[in-house]
Amino acid sequence: MTATAFTPRRELAHRTSDGIEVTLFWTKPSNRITIAVLDTRSGEALEFEADGSAALDAFNHPYAHAATRDARSLATTGVSTSPLTATTDR
């Protein structure tokens, strides 16, 4: 059996507006705050670290903060813009 690296991130806030999803995460061991942004229309995503004192501002204005931070693009494949549905193969 191989151990898998696991980083326990806690979602502190999430919002969706006009196809843009923004999530504020906190990682306890490192005390890091990160903001994840997903454009469900284009499938583009980015994530960046935010200073704890500016976390709420970064959550409310992610693109302004991403421009001043080392934001990294995340994989854009596999993002569905359709509503989630549950199906079962039998």
PDB file of N, CA and C in Angstrom:
ATOM      1  N   MET A   1       0.845  -1.167   0.000  1.00  0.00           N
ATOM      2  CA  MET A   1       0.000   0.000   0.000  1.00  0.00           C
ATOM      3  C   MET A   1       0.893   1.233   0.000  1.00  0.00           C
ATOM      4  N   THR A   2       0.533   2.228  -0.790  1.00  0.00           N
ATOM      5  CA  THR A   2       1.291   3.458  -0.895  1.00  0.00           C
ATOM      6  C   THR A   2       0.523   4.579  -0.215  1.00  0.00           C
ATOM      7  N   ALA A   3       1.224   5.344   0.586  1.00  0.00           N
ATOM      8  CA  ALA A   3       0.592   6.486   1.244  1.00  0.00           C
ATOM      9  C   ALA A   3       0.418   7.612   0.230  1.00  0.00           C
ATOM     10  N   THR A   4      -0.703   8.268   0.292  1.00  0.00           N
ATOM     11  CA  THR A   4      -1.000   9.375  -0.597  1.00  0.00           C
ATOM     12  C   THR A   4      -0.880  10.674   0.181  1.00  0.00           C
ATOM     13  N   ALA A   5      -0.205  11.635  -0.402  1.00  0.00           N
ATOM     14  CA  ALA A   5      -0.091  12.939   0.246  1.00  0.00           C
ATOM     15  C   ALA A   5      -1.465  13.584   0.307  1.00  0.00           C
ATOM     16  N   PHE A   6      -1.822  14.098   1.459  1.00  0.00           N
ATOM     17  CA  PHE A   6      -3.126  14.699   1.650  1.00  0.00           C
ATOM     18  C   PHE A   6      -2.952  16.032   2.363  1.00  0.00           C
ATOM     19  N   THR A   7      -3.450  17.072   1.774  1.00  0.00           N
ATOM     20  CA  THR A   7      -3.391  18.386   2.388  1.00  0.00           C
ATOM     21  C   THR A   7      -4.804  18.759   2.814  1.00  0.00           C
ATOM     22  N   PRO A   8      -5.036  18.790   4.113  1.00  0.00           N
ATOM     23  CA  PRO A   8      -6.390  19.107   4.583  1.00  0.00           C
ATOM     24  C   PRO A   8      -6.711  20.593   4.416  1.00  0.00           C
ATOM     25  N   ARG A   9      -7.503  20.890   3.384  1.00  0.00           N
ATOM     26  CA  ARG A   9      -7.937  22.265   3.158  1.00  0.00           C
ATOM     27  C   ARG A   9      -9.375  22.387   3.642  1.00  0.00           C
ATOM     28  N   ARG A  10      -9.663  23.471   4.274  1.00  0.00           N
ATOM     29  CA  ARG A  10     -11.019  23.720   4.756  1.00  0.00           C
ATOM     30  C   ARG A  10     -11.613  24.868   3.943  1.00  0.00           C
ATOM     31  N   GLU A  11     -12.805  24.642   3.413  1.00  0.00           N
ATOM     32  CA  GLU A  11     -13.496  25.689   2.675  1.00  0.00           C
ATOM     33  C   GLU A  11     -14.118  26.658   3.674  1.00  0.00           C
ATOM     34  N   LEU A  12     -13.722  27.917   3.585  1.00  0.00           N
ATOM     35  CA  LEU A  12     -14.249  28.933   4.493  1.00  0.00           C
ATOM     36  C   LEU A  12     -15.407  29.710   3.880  1.00  0.00           C
ATOM     37  N   ALA A  13     -15.381  29.862   2.554  1.00  0.00           N
ATOM     38  CA  ALA A  13     -16.448  30.598   1.875  1.00  0.00           C
ATOM     39  C   ALA A  13     -16.488  30.179   0.414  1.00  0.00           C
ATOM     40  N   HIS A  14     -17.675  30.268  -0.168  1.00  0.00           N
ATOM     41  CA  HIS A  14     -17.857  29.932  -1.587  1.00  0.00           C
ATOM     42  C   HIS A  14     -18.972  30.819  -2.121  1.00  0.00           C
ATOM     43  N   ARG A  15     -18.772  31.296  -3.353  1.00  0.00           N
ATOM     44  CA  ARG A  15     -19.823  32.078  -4.001  1.00  0.00           C
ATOM     45  C   ARG A  15     -19.796  31.818  -5.499  1.00  0.00           C
ATOM     46  N   THR A  16     -20.946  31.992  -6.111  1.00  0.00           N
ATOM     47  CA  THR A  16     -21.091  31.831  -7.550  1.00  0.00           C
ATOM     48  C   THR A  16     -21.850  33.030  -8.091  1.00  0.00           C
ATOM     49  N   SER A  17     -21.336  33.598  -9.168  1.00  0.00           N
ATOM     50  CA  SER A  17     -21.995  34.735  -9.791  1.00  0.00           C
ATOM     51  C   SER A  17     -21.693  34.737 -11.281  1.00  0.00           C
ATOM     52  N   ASP A  18     -22.740  34.648 -12.083  1.00  0.00           N
ATOM     53  CA  ASP A  18     -22.621  34.741 -13.540  1.00  0.00           C
ATOM     54  C   ASP A  18     -21.592  33.767 -14.116  1.00  0.00           C
ATOM     55  N   GLY A  19     -21.594  32.532 -13.605  1.00  0.00           N
ATOM     56  CA  GLY A  19     -20.705  31.502 -14.132  1.00  0.00           C
ATOM     57  C   GLY A  19     -19.306  31.488 -13.538  1.00  0.00           C
ATOM     58  N   ILE A  20     -19.027  32.391 -12.601  1.00  0.00           N
ATOM     59  CA  ILE A  20     -17.726  32.437 -11.939  1.00  0.00           C
ATOM     60  C   ILE A  20     -17.900  31.905 -10.518  1.00  0.00           C
ATOM     61  N   GLU A  21     -17.115  30.879 -10.174  1.00  0.00           N
ATOM     62  CA  GLU A  21     -17.149  30.314  -8.835  1.00  0.00           C
ATOM     63  C   GLU A  21     -15.859  30.704  -8.121  1.00  0.00           C
ATOM     64  N   VAL A  22     -16.000  31.215  -6.911  1.00  0.00           N
ATOM     65  CA  VAL A  22     -14.852  31.645  -6.108  1.00  0.00           C
ATOM     66  C   VAL A  22     -14.924  30.911  -4.775  1.00  0.00           C
ATOM     67  N   THR A  23     -13.807  30.303  -4.375  1.00  0.00           N
ATOM     68  CA  THR A  23     -13.747  29.579  -3.115  1.00  0.00           C
ATOM     69  C   THR A  23     -12.539  30.048  -2.316  1.00  0.00           C
ATOM     70  N   LEU A  24     -12.778  30.267  -1.025  1.00  0.00           N
ATOM     71  CA  LEU A  24     -11.733  30.665  -0.084  1.00  0.00           C
ATOM     72  C   LEU A  24     -11.375  29.448   0.757  1.00  0.00           C
ATOM     73  N   PHE A  25     -10.105  29.042   0.700  1.00  0.00           N
ATOM     74  CA  PHE A  25      -9.635  27.865   1.436  1.00  0.00           C
ATOM     75  C   PHE A  25      -8.612  28.263   2.493  1.00  0.00           C
ATOM     76  N   TRP A  26      -8.563  27.488   3.568  1.00  0.00           N
ATOM     77  CA  TRP A  26      -7.545  27.624   4.602  1.00  0.00           C
ATOM     78  C   TRP A  26      -6.937  26.255   4.836  1.00  0.00           C
ATOM     79  N   THR A  27      -5.616  26.189   4.871  1.00  0.00           N
ATOM     80  CA  THR A  27      -4.901  24.954   5.153  1.00  0.00           C
ATOM     81  C   THR A  27      -4.286  25.083   6.540  1.00  0.00           C
ATOM     82  N   LYS A  28      -4.748  24.264   7.474  1.00  0.00           N
ATOM     83  CA  LYS A  28      -4.350  24.386   8.877  1.00  0.00           C
ATOM     84  C   LYS A  28      -2.855  24.173   9.120  1.00  0.00           C
ATOM     85  N   PRO A  29      -2.252  23.069   8.622  1.00  0.00           N
ATOM     86  CA  PRO A  29      -0.834  22.831   8.951  1.00  0.00           C
ATOM     87  C   PRO A  29       0.095  23.979   8.554  1.00  0.00           C
ATOM     88  N   SER A  30      -0.161  24.598   7.417  1.00  0.00           N
ATOM     89  CA  SER A  30       0.708  25.676   6.948  1.00  0.00           C
ATOM     90  C   SER A  30       0.112  27.057   7.213  1.00  0.00           C
ATOM     91  N   ASN A  31      -1.134  27.100   7.667  1.00  0.00           N
ATOM     92  CA  ASN A  31      -1.857  28.345   7.914  1.00  0.00           C
ATOM     93  C   ASN A  31      -1.918  29.209   6.653  1.00  0.00           C
ATOM     94  N   ARG A  32      -2.058  28.546   5.490  1.00  0.00           N
ATOM     95  CA  ARG A  32      -2.122  29.233   4.199  1.00  0.00           C
ATOM     96  C   ARG A  32      -3.564  29.518   3.822  1.00  0.00           C
ATOM     97  N   ILE A  33      -3.781  30.671   3.227  1.00  0.00           N
ATOM     98  CA  ILE A  33      -5.076  31.042   2.660  1.00  0.00           C
ATOM     99  C   ILE A  33      -4.924  31.021   1.150  1.00  0.00           C
ATOM    100  N   THR A  34      -5.814  30.321   0.458  1.00  0.00           N
ATOM    101  CA  THR A  34      -5.783  30.304  -1.001  1.00  0.00           C
ATOM    102  C   THR A  34      -7.169  30.626  -1.540  1.00  0.00           C
ATOM    103  N   ILE A  35      -7.172  31.225  -2.703  1.00  0.00           N
ATOM    104  CA  ILE A  35      -8.398  31.562  -3.412  1.00  0.00           C
ATOM    105  C   ILE A  35      -8.388  30.768  -4.711  1.00  0.00           C
ATOM    106  N   ALA A  36      -9.480  30.044  -4.975  1.00  0.00           N
ATOM    107  CA  ALA A  36      -9.628  29.302  -6.230  1.00  0.00           C
ATOM    108  C   ALA A  36     -10.765  29.930  -7.020  1.00  0.00           C
ATOM    109  N   VAL A  37     -10.528  30.168  -8.311  1.00  0.00           N
ATOM    110  CA  VAL A  37     -11.519  30.788  -9.183  1.00  0.00           C
ATOM    111  C   VAL A  37     -11.746  29.873 -10.378  1.00  0.00           C
ATOM    112  N   LEU A  38     -13.004  29.609 -10.687  1.00  0.00           N
ATOM    113  CA  LEU A  38     -13.359  28.768 -11.826  1.00  0.00           C
ATOM    114  C   LEU A  38     -14.371  29.494 -12.683  1.00  0.00           C
ATOM    115  N   ASP A  39     -14.057  29.649 -13.959  1.00  0.00           N
ATOM    116  CA  ASP A  39     -15.004  30.189 -14.932  1.00  0.00           C
ATOM    117  C   ASP A  39     -15.679  28.987 -15.579  1.00  0.00           C
ATOM    118  N   THR A  40     -16.915  28.713 -15.209  1.00  0.00           N
ATOM    119  CA  THR A  40     -17.596  27.514 -15.699  1.00  0.00           C
ATOM    120  C   THR A  40     -17.938  27.599 -17.182  1.00  0.00           C
ATOM    121  N   ARG A  41     -17.935  28.772 -17.751  1.00  0.00           N
ATOM    122  CA  ARG A  41     -18.237  28.917 -19.185  1.00  0.00           C
ATOM    123  C   ARG A  41     -17.049  28.529 -20.049  1.00  0.00           C
ATOM    124  N   SER A  42     -15.868  29.019 -19.679  1.00  0.00           N
ATOM    125  CA  SER A  42     -14.681  28.738 -20.488  1.00  0.00           C
ATOM    126  C   SER A  42     -13.897  27.538 -19.981  1.00  0.00           C
ATOM    127  N   GLY A  43     -14.129  27.158 -18.715  1.00  0.00           N
ATOM    128  CA  GLY A  43     -13.386  26.062 -18.129  1.00  0.00           C
ATOM    129  C   GLY A  43     -12.040  26.488 -17.568  1.00  0.00           C
ATOM    130  N   GLU A  44     -11.735  27.774 -17.631  1.00  0.00           N
ATOM    131  CA  GLU A  44     -10.465  28.268 -17.099  1.00  0.00           C
ATOM    132  C   GLU A  44     -10.541  28.380 -15.582  1.00  0.00           C
ATOM    133  N   ALA A  45      -9.436  28.062 -14.931  1.00  0.00           N
ATOM    134  CA  ALA A  45      -9.372  28.121 -13.473  1.00  0.00           C
ATOM    135  C   ALA A  45      -8.023  28.656 -13.050  1.00  0.00           C
ATOM    136  N   LEU A  46      -7.990  29.301 -11.899  1.00  0.00           N
ATOM    137  CA  LEU A  46      -6.733  29.759 -11.337  1.00  0.00           C
ATOM    138  C   LEU A  46      -6.817  29.674  -9.823  1.00  0.00           C
ATOM    139  N   GLU A  47      -5.656  29.639  -9.213  1.00  0.00           N
ATOM    140  CA  GLU A  47      -5.567  29.594  -7.762  1.00  0.00           C
ATOM    141  C   GLU A  47      -4.361  30.407  -7.336  1.00  0.00           C
ATOM    142  N   PHE A  48      -4.510  31.133  -6.233  1.00  0.00           N
ATOM    143  CA  PHE A  48      -3.407  31.921  -5.720  1.00  0.00           C
ATOM    144  C   PHE A  48      -3.494  32.006  -4.204  1.00  0.00           C
ATOM    145  N   GLU A  49      -2.358  32.279  -3.601  1.00  0.00           N
ATOM    146  CA  GLU A  49      -2.280  32.429  -2.161  1.00  0.00           C
ATOM    147  C   GLU A  49      -2.589  33.880  -1.807  1.00  0.00           C
ATOM    148  N   ALA A  50      -3.294  34.070  -0.700  1.00  0.00           N
ATOM    149  CA  ALA A  50      -3.630  35.420  -0.249  1.00  0.00           C
ATOM    150  C   ALA A  50      -3.121  35.617   1.169  1.00  0.00           C
ATOM    151  N   ASP A  51      -2.789  36.824   1.476  1.00  0.00           N
ATOM    152  CA  ASP A  51      -2.388  37.174   2.829  1.00  0.00           C
ATOM    153  C   ASP A  51      -3.619  37.075   3.733  1.00  0.00           C
ATOM    154  N   GLY A  52      -3.439  36.534   4.915  1.00  0.00           N
ATOM    155  CA  GLY A  52      -4.561  36.344   5.826  1.00  0.00           C
ATOM    156  C   GLY A  52      -5.300  37.623   6.158  1.00  0.00           C
ATOM    157  N   SER A  53      -4.574  38.729   6.249  1.00  0.00           N
ATOM    158  CA  SER A  53      -5.208  40.006   6.580  1.00  0.00           C
ATOM    159  C   SER A  53      -6.035  40.563   5.427  1.00  0.00           C
ATOM    160  N   ALA A  54      -5.824  40.047   4.217  1.00  0.00           N
ATOM    161  CA  ALA A  54      -6.556  40.514   3.041  1.00  0.00           C
ATOM    162  C   ALA A  54      -7.418  39.408   2.432  1.00  0.00           C
ATOM    163  N   ALA A  55      -7.661  38.344   3.189  1.00  0.00           N
ATOM    164  CA  ALA A  55      -8.360  37.174   2.645  1.00  0.00           C
ATOM    165  C   ALA A  55      -9.760  37.507   2.145  1.00  0.00           C
ATOM    166  N   LEU A  56     -10.521  38.242   2.915  1.00  0.00           N
ATOM    167  CA  LEU A  56     -11.889  38.562   2.507  1.00  0.00           C
ATOM    168  C   LEU A  56     -11.899  39.474   1.289  1.00  0.00           C
ATOM    169  N   ASP A  57     -10.984  40.423   1.238  1.00  0.00           N
ATOM    170  CA  ASP A  57     -10.892  41.296   0.074  1.00  0.00           C
ATOM    171  C   ASP A  57     -10.499  40.499  -1.169  1.00  0.00           C
ATOM    172  N   ALA A  58      -9.563  39.555  -1.014  1.00  0.00           N
ATOM    173  CA  ALA A  58      -9.152  38.705  -2.140  1.00  0.00           C
ATOM    174  C   ALA A  58     -10.304  37.822  -2.592  1.00  0.00           C
ATOM    175  N   PHE A  59     -11.120  37.351  -1.658  1.00  0.00           N
ATOM    176  CA  PHE A  59     -12.296  36.538  -1.983  1.00  0.00           C
ATOM    177  C   PHE A  59     -13.313  37.366  -2.767  1.00  0.00           C
ATOM    178  N   ASN A  60     -13.502  38.614  -2.373  1.00  0.00           N
ATOM    179  CA  ASN A  60     -14.485  39.476  -3.040  1.00  0.00           C
ATOM    180  C   ASN A  60     -13.985  40.051  -4.358  1.00  0.00           C
ATOM    181  N   HIS A  61     -12.664  40.186  -4.509  1.00  0.00           N
ATOM    182  CA  HIS A  61     -12.074  40.767  -5.718  1.00  0.00           C
ATOM    183  C   HIS A  61     -10.904  39.902  -6.186  1.00  0.00           C
ATOM    184  N   PRO A  62     -11.176  38.654  -6.586  1.00  0.00           N
ATOM    185  CA  PRO A  62     -10.078  37.723  -6.877  1.00  0.00           C
ATOM    186  C   PRO A  62      -9.200  38.123  -8.058  1.00  0.00           C
ATOM    187  N   TYR A  63      -9.775  38.711  -9.096  1.00  0.00           N
ATOM    188  CA  TYR A  63      -8.960  39.033 -10.262  1.00  0.00           C
ATOM    189  C   TYR A  63      -7.985  40.171  -9.957  1.00  0.00           C
ATOM    190  N   ALA A  64      -8.394  41.126  -9.156  1.00  0.00           N
ATOM    191  CA  ALA A  64      -7.493  42.215  -8.771  1.00  0.00           C
ATOM    192  C   ALA A  64      -6.329  41.668  -7.947  1.00  0.00           C
ATOM    193  N   HIS A  65      -6.613  40.751  -7.036  1.00  0.00           N
ATOM    194  CA  HIS A  65      -5.551  40.182  -6.209  1.00  0.00           C
ATOM    195  C   HIS A  65      -4.673  39.205  -6.996  1.00  0.00           C
ATOM    196  N   ALA A  66      -5.284  38.461  -7.910  1.00  0.00           N
ATOM    197  CA  ALA A  66      -4.504  37.512  -8.714  1.00  0.00           C
ATOM    198  C   ALA A  66      -3.480  38.244  -9.582  1.00  0.00           C
ATOM    199  N   ALA A  67      -3.828  39.439 -10.022  1.00  0.00           N
ATOM    200  CA  ALA A  67      -2.910  40.212 -10.864  1.00  0.00           C
ATOM    201  C   ALA A  67      -1.666  40.642 -10.099  1.00  0.00           C
ATOM    202  N   THR A  68      -1.782  40.756  -8.776  1.00  0.00           N
ATOM    203  CA  THR A  68      -0.646  41.192  -7.970  1.00  0.00           C
ATOM    204  C   THR A  68       0.064  40.024  -7.300  1.00  0.00           C
ATOM    205  N   ARG A  69      -0.442  38.821  -7.478  1.00  0.00           N
ATOM    206  CA  ARG A  69       0.117  37.621  -6.848  1.00  0.00           C
ATOM    207  C   ARG A  69       0.666  36.684  -7.914  1.00  0.00           C
ATOM    208  N   ASP A  70       1.290  35.632  -7.462  1.00  0.00           N
ATOM    209  CA  ASP A  70       1.779  34.589  -8.359  1.00  0.00           C
ATOM    210  C   ASP A  70       0.655  33.583  -8.569  1.00  0.00           C
ATOM    211  N   ALA A  71      -0.363  33.986  -9.333  1.00  0.00           N
ATOM    212  CA  ALA A  71      -1.501  33.108  -9.594  1.00  0.00           C
ATOM    213  C   ALA A  71      -1.087  32.042 -10.592  1.00  0.00           C
ATOM    214  N   ARG A  72      -1.545  30.816 -10.384  1.00  0.00           N
ATOM    215  CA  ARG A  72      -1.220  29.743 -11.313  1.00  0.00           C
ATOM    216  C   ARG A  72      -2.500  29.230 -11.940  1.00  0.00           C
ATOM    217  N   SER A  73      -2.412  28.987 -13.236  1.00  0.00           N
ATOM    218  CA  SER A  73      -3.548  28.428 -13.939  1.00  0.00           C
ATOM    219  C   SER A  73      -3.676  26.963 -13.580  1.00  0.00           C
ATOM    220  N   LEU A  74      -4.888  26.520 -13.425  1.00  0.00           N
ATOM    221  CA  LEU A  74      -5.157  25.122 -13.128  1.00  0.00           C
ATOM    222  C   LEU A  74      -5.659  24.445 -14.393  1.00  0.00           C
ATOM    223  N   ALA A  75      -5.718  23.142 -14.382  1.00  0.00           N
ATOM    224  CA  ALA A  75      -6.181  22.381 -15.550  1.00  0.00           C
ATOM    225  C   ALA A  75      -7.563  22.867 -15.955  1.00  0.00           C
ATOM    226  N   THR A  76      -7.768  22.974 -17.255  1.00  0.00           N
ATOM    227  CA  THR A  76      -9.054  23.450 -17.747  1.00  0.00           C
ATOM    228  C   THR A  76      -9.869  22.341 -18.396  1.00  0.00           C
ATOM    229  N   THR A  77      -9.357  21.145 -18.434  1.00  0.00           N
ATOM    230  CA  THR A  77     -10.104  20.059 -19.036  1.00  0.00           C
ATOM    231  C   THR A  77     -10.995  19.408 -17.992  1.00  0.00           C
ATOM    232  N   GLY A  78     -12.072  18.849 -18.449  1.00  0.00           N
ATOM    233  CA  GLY A  78     -12.962  18.108 -17.564  1.00  0.00           C
ATOM    234  C   GLY A  78     -13.936  18.976 -16.806  1.00  0.00           C
ATOM    235  N   VAL A  79     -14.002  20.252 -17.119  1.00  0.00           N
ATOM    236  CA  VAL A  79     -14.951  21.126 -16.455  1.00  0.00           C
ATOM    237  C   VAL A  79     -16.238  21.110 -17.252  1.00  0.00           C
ATOM    238  N   SER A  80     -17.312  20.793 -16.574  1.00  0.00           N
ATOM    239  CA  SER A  80     -18.606  20.729 -17.227  1.00  0.00           C
ATOM    240  C   SER A  80     -19.401  21.973 -16.897  1.00  0.00           C
ATOM    241  N   THR A  81     -20.058  22.540 -17.877  1.00  0.00           N
ATOM    242  CA  THR A  81     -20.887  23.702 -17.635  1.00  0.00           C
ATOM    243  C   THR A  81     -22.352  23.311 -17.448  1.00  0.00           C
ATOM    244  N   SER A  82     -22.652  22.037 -17.562  1.00  0.00           N
ATOM    245  CA  SER A  82     -24.037  21.596 -17.370  1.00  0.00           C
ATOM    246  C   SER A  82     -24.275  21.278 -15.902  1.00  0.00           C
ATOM    247  N   PRO A  83     -25.543  21.320 -15.489  1.00  0.00           N
ATOM    248  CA  PRO A  83     -25.843  20.986 -14.090  1.00  0.00           C
ATOM    249  C   PRO A  83     -25.398  19.557 -13.772  1.00  0.00           C
ATOM    250  N   LEU A  84     -25.025  19.340 -12.525  1.00  0.00           N
ATOM    251  CA  LEU A  84     -24.606  18.015 -12.095  1.00  0.00           C
ATOM    252  C   LEU A  84     -25.793  17.071 -12.065  1.00  0.00           C
ATOM    253  N   THR A  85     -25.567  15.861 -12.529  1.00  0.00           N
ATOM    254  CA  THR A  85     -26.589  14.841 -12.462  1.00  0.00           C
ATOM    255  C   THR A  85     -25.956  13.566 -11.950  1.00  0.00           C
ATOM    256  N   ALA A  86     -26.733  12.786 -11.266  1.00  0.00           N
ATOM    257  CA  ALA A  86     -26.229  11.509 -10.744  1.00  0.00           C
ATOM    258  C   ALA A  86     -26.785  10.382 -11.600  1.00  0.00           C
ATOM    259  N   THR A  87     -25.902   9.526 -12.060  1.00  0.00           N
ATOM    260  CA  THR A  87     -26.327   8.360 -12.808  1.00  0.00           C
ATOM    261  C   THR A  87     -25.627   7.138 -12.258  1.00  0.00           C
ATOM    262  N   THR A  88     -26.211   5.993 -12.511  1.00  0.00           N
ATOM    263  CA  THR A  88     -25.617   4.743 -12.045  1.00  0.00           C
ATOM    264  C   THR A  88     -25.528   3.783 -13.214  1.00  0.00           C
ATOM    265  N   ASP A  89     -24.363   3.186 -13.388  1.00  0.00           N
ATOM    266  CA  ASP A  89     -24.201   2.147 -14.407  1.00  0.00           C
ATOM    267  C   ASP A  89     -24.484   0.809 -13.780  1.00  0.00           C
ATOM    268  N   ARG A  90     -25.335   0.032 -14.399  1.00  0.00           N
ATOM    269  CA  ARG A  90     -25.640  -1.310 -13.876  1.00  0.00           C
ATOM    270  C   ARG A  90     -25.479  -2.329 -14.949  1.00  0.00           C
TER     271      ARG A  90
END
